[in-house]
Amino acid sequence: MPVVMRSQKHSALPVLIALAIGFFGCAPGPAFTRVQPTSTHAVIYVYRTTDPVSSNLEPDITCGHTTVAIVSGGYYTFVEEPGTTACYASSDPSSRIEFETRPEAEYFVSEKVAAGVYAGRVTLKQVSNAMGLDEIQMCNYTVK
């Protein structure tokens, strides 16, 4: 009888490991790669670090003229003309941020999603290039 119980414990271990990877692992997709800014465009990276609490929420994010849903652990590269750029979540008007972009420059915006009933509360924050580059390394290109 103890042998059966021991084998049941061991058979549950792979399932627990798979669940842990699903909750805490990176989003599927290609690893982060930089896009070269041009003399006529700026590059804005919006990324979302892995968060198991809100991982099932994927609010639409608009930055400039493009709208995407960034999954938990994912990022998206927006290429925009220089000038004032607005980024916001469609589901949360209070998330709106605006900043000036320049040609040949990179900008990083961190997206945080607090769990909610339907869409959750979204916070967008422009971060320093050093911080953004460090945090985005753990993200994969994954949008919906």
Protein backbone atom coordinates (compact mmCIF):
# COMPACT_ATOMS: atom_id res chain seq x y z
CA MET A 1 0.00 0.00 0.00
CA PRO A 2 2.73 2.59 0.78
CA VAL A 3 4.24 1.87 -2.65
CA VAL A 4 1.00 2.94 -4.36
CA MET A 5 0.81 6.16 -2.36
CA ARG A 6 4.44 6.97 -3.18
CA SER A 7 3.86 6.51 -6.92
CA GLN A 8 0.77 8.73 -6.77
CA LYS A 9 2.81 11.49 -5.15
CA HIS A 10 5.45 11.23 -7.87
CA SER A 11 2.86 11.25 -10.66
CA ALA A 12 1.44 14.53 -9.35
CA LEU A 13 4.85 16.24 -9.42
CA PRO A 14 5.01 16.76 -13.22
CA VAL A 15 1.51 18.24 -13.16
CA LEU A 16 2.48 20.69 -10.41
CA ILE A 17 5.64 21.67 -12.29
CA ALA A 18 3.66 22.27 -15.49
CA LEU A 19 1.16 24.43 -13.61
CA ALA A 20 3.96 26.47 -12.03
CA ILE A 21 5.57 27.08 -15.42
CA GLY A 22 2.19 28.13 -16.81
CA PHE A 23 1.66 30.67 -14.04
CA PHE A 24 5.18 32.02 -13.65
CA GLY A 25 6.85 31.37 -17.00
CA CYS A 26 7.27 33.72 -19.91
CA ALA A 27 4.72 34.27 -22.60
CA PRO A 28 5.21 32.13 -25.70
CA GLY A 29 6.80 33.81 -28.68
CA PRO A 30 10.14 35.20 -29.82
CA ALA A 31 12.44 36.72 -27.20
CA PHE A 32 12.85 40.49 -27.00
CA THR A 33 14.67 42.10 -29.91
CA ARG A 34 15.36 45.78 -30.39
CA VAL A 35 14.14 47.73 -33.40
CA GLN A 36 16.43 50.39 -34.80
CA PRO A 37 14.86 53.87 -34.57
CA THR A 38 15.11 55.88 -37.79
CA SER A 39 15.62 59.54 -38.57
CA THR A 40 11.86 59.87 -39.09
CA HIS A 41 10.47 57.55 -36.37
CA ALA A 42 10.69 56.80 -32.67
CA VAL A 43 10.39 53.33 -31.16
CA ILE A 44 8.12 52.76 -28.15
CA TYR A 45 8.23 49.43 -26.35
CA VAL A 46 5.18 48.66 -24.21
CA TYR A 47 5.74 45.61 -22.06
CA ARG A 48 3.97 43.69 -19.34
CA THR A 49 5.95 41.61 -16.87
CA THR A 50 4.54 38.23 -15.90
CA ASP A 51 1.80 38.43 -13.28
CA PRO A 52 -0.11 35.24 -12.47
CA VAL A 53 -2.92 37.13 -10.70
CA SER A 54 -3.97 39.08 -13.80
CA SER A 55 -2.58 36.80 -16.50
CA ASN A 56 -6.04 35.99 -17.88
CA LEU A 57 -6.75 39.70 -18.53
CA GLU A 58 -5.55 41.16 -21.82
CA PRO A 59 -6.81 44.74 -22.19
CA ASP A 60 -6.37 46.52 -25.52
CA ILE A 61 -3.54 49.05 -25.40
CA THR A 62 -3.38 51.91 -27.88
CA CYS A 63 -0.11 53.75 -28.37
CA GLY A 64 -0.06 56.26 -31.17
CA HIS A 65 -2.06 54.79 -34.05
CA THR A 66 -1.93 51.09 -33.19
CA THR A 67 -4.01 49.00 -30.77
CA VAL A 68 -2.96 45.57 -29.47
CA ALA A 69 -3.61 43.34 -26.45
CA ILE A 70 -0.34 42.48 -24.71
CA VAL A 71 -0.39 39.23 -22.77
CA SER A 72 1.20 38.78 -19.36
CA GLY A 73 4.94 38.42 -19.99
CA GLY A 74 4.70 39.98 -23.46
CA TYR A 75 5.65 43.17 -25.25
CA TYR A 76 4.89 45.09 -28.41
CA THR A 77 6.99 47.53 -30.42
CA PHE A 78 5.20 50.67 -31.61
CA VAL A 79 6.95 52.69 -34.33
CA GLU A 80 5.61 56.24 -34.35
CA GLU A 81 6.32 59.60 -35.92
CA PRO A 82 7.92 62.14 -33.56
CA GLY A 83 5.67 64.40 -31.51
CA THR A 84 3.23 63.95 -28.66
CA THR A 85 2.30 60.29 -28.31
CA ALA A 86 -0.58 59.04 -26.18
CA CYS A 87 -0.78 55.51 -24.78
CA TYR A 88 -3.85 54.18 -22.96
CA ALA A 89 -5.98 51.12 -22.26
CA SER A 90 -9.35 51.09 -24.02
CA SER A 91 -10.96 49.65 -20.89
CA ASP A 92 -9.47 52.19 -18.47
CA PRO A 93 -9.46 55.89 -19.50
CA SER A 94 -7.49 56.80 -16.36
CA SER A 95 -4.52 54.85 -17.74
CA ARG A 96 -3.75 57.50 -20.39
CA ILE A 97 -0.20 58.87 -20.52
CA GLU A 98 1.31 61.31 -23.00
CA PHE A 99 4.93 62.08 -23.74
CA GLU A 100 7.05 63.72 -26.42
CA THR A 101 8.91 61.43 -28.79
CA ARG A 102 11.88 62.31 -30.95
CA PRO A 103 13.26 60.65 -34.05
CA GLU A 104 16.02 58.09 -33.50
CA ALA A 105 14.96 57.56 -29.87
CA GLU A 106 13.62 54.61 -27.84
CA TYR A 107 10.98 54.82 -25.12
CA PHE A 108 9.79 52.18 -22.64
CA VAL A 109 6.32 51.96 -21.13
CA SER A 110 5.49 49.44 -18.41
CA GLU A 111 1.95 48.06 -18.29
CA LYS A 112 0.53 46.76 -15.01
CA VAL A 113 -2.89 45.15 -14.81
CA ALA A 114 -4.65 44.79 -11.47
CA ALA A 115 -7.12 41.93 -11.44
CA GLY A 116 -10.74 42.93 -11.83
CA VAL A 117 -14.04 41.33 -12.70
CA TYR A 118 -13.89 41.94 -16.46
CA ALA A 119 -10.99 44.10 -17.59
CA GLY A 120 -9.04 45.08 -14.49
CA ARG A 121 -7.35 48.39 -13.74
CA VAL A 122 -4.51 49.26 -16.09
CA THR A 123 -1.56 51.44 -15.18
CA LEU A 124 0.84 52.61 -17.87
CA LYS A 125 4.07 54.27 -16.82
CA GLN A 126 6.96 55.56 -18.89
CA VAL A 127 10.17 54.23 -17.36
CA SER A 128 13.83 55.00 -17.94
CA ASN A 129 15.54 53.25 -20.82
CA ALA A 130 17.84 51.40 -18.39
CA MET A 131 14.93 50.08 -16.32
CA GLY A 132 12.80 49.27 -19.36
CA LEU A 133 15.62 47.45 -21.12
CA ASP A 134 16.32 45.42 -18.00
CA GLU A 135 12.66 44.45 -17.40
CA ILE A 136 11.73 43.75 -21.02
CA GLN A 137 14.49 41.14 -21.34
CA MET A 138 12.16 38.68 -19.57
CA CYS A 139 9.31 39.33 -22.01
CA ASN A 140 8.52 37.67 -25.32
CA TYR A 141 6.84 39.22 -28.35
CA THR A 142 3.29 38.09 -27.72
CA VAL A 143 0.14 40.03 -28.52
CA LYS A 144 -3.44 39.13 -29.37
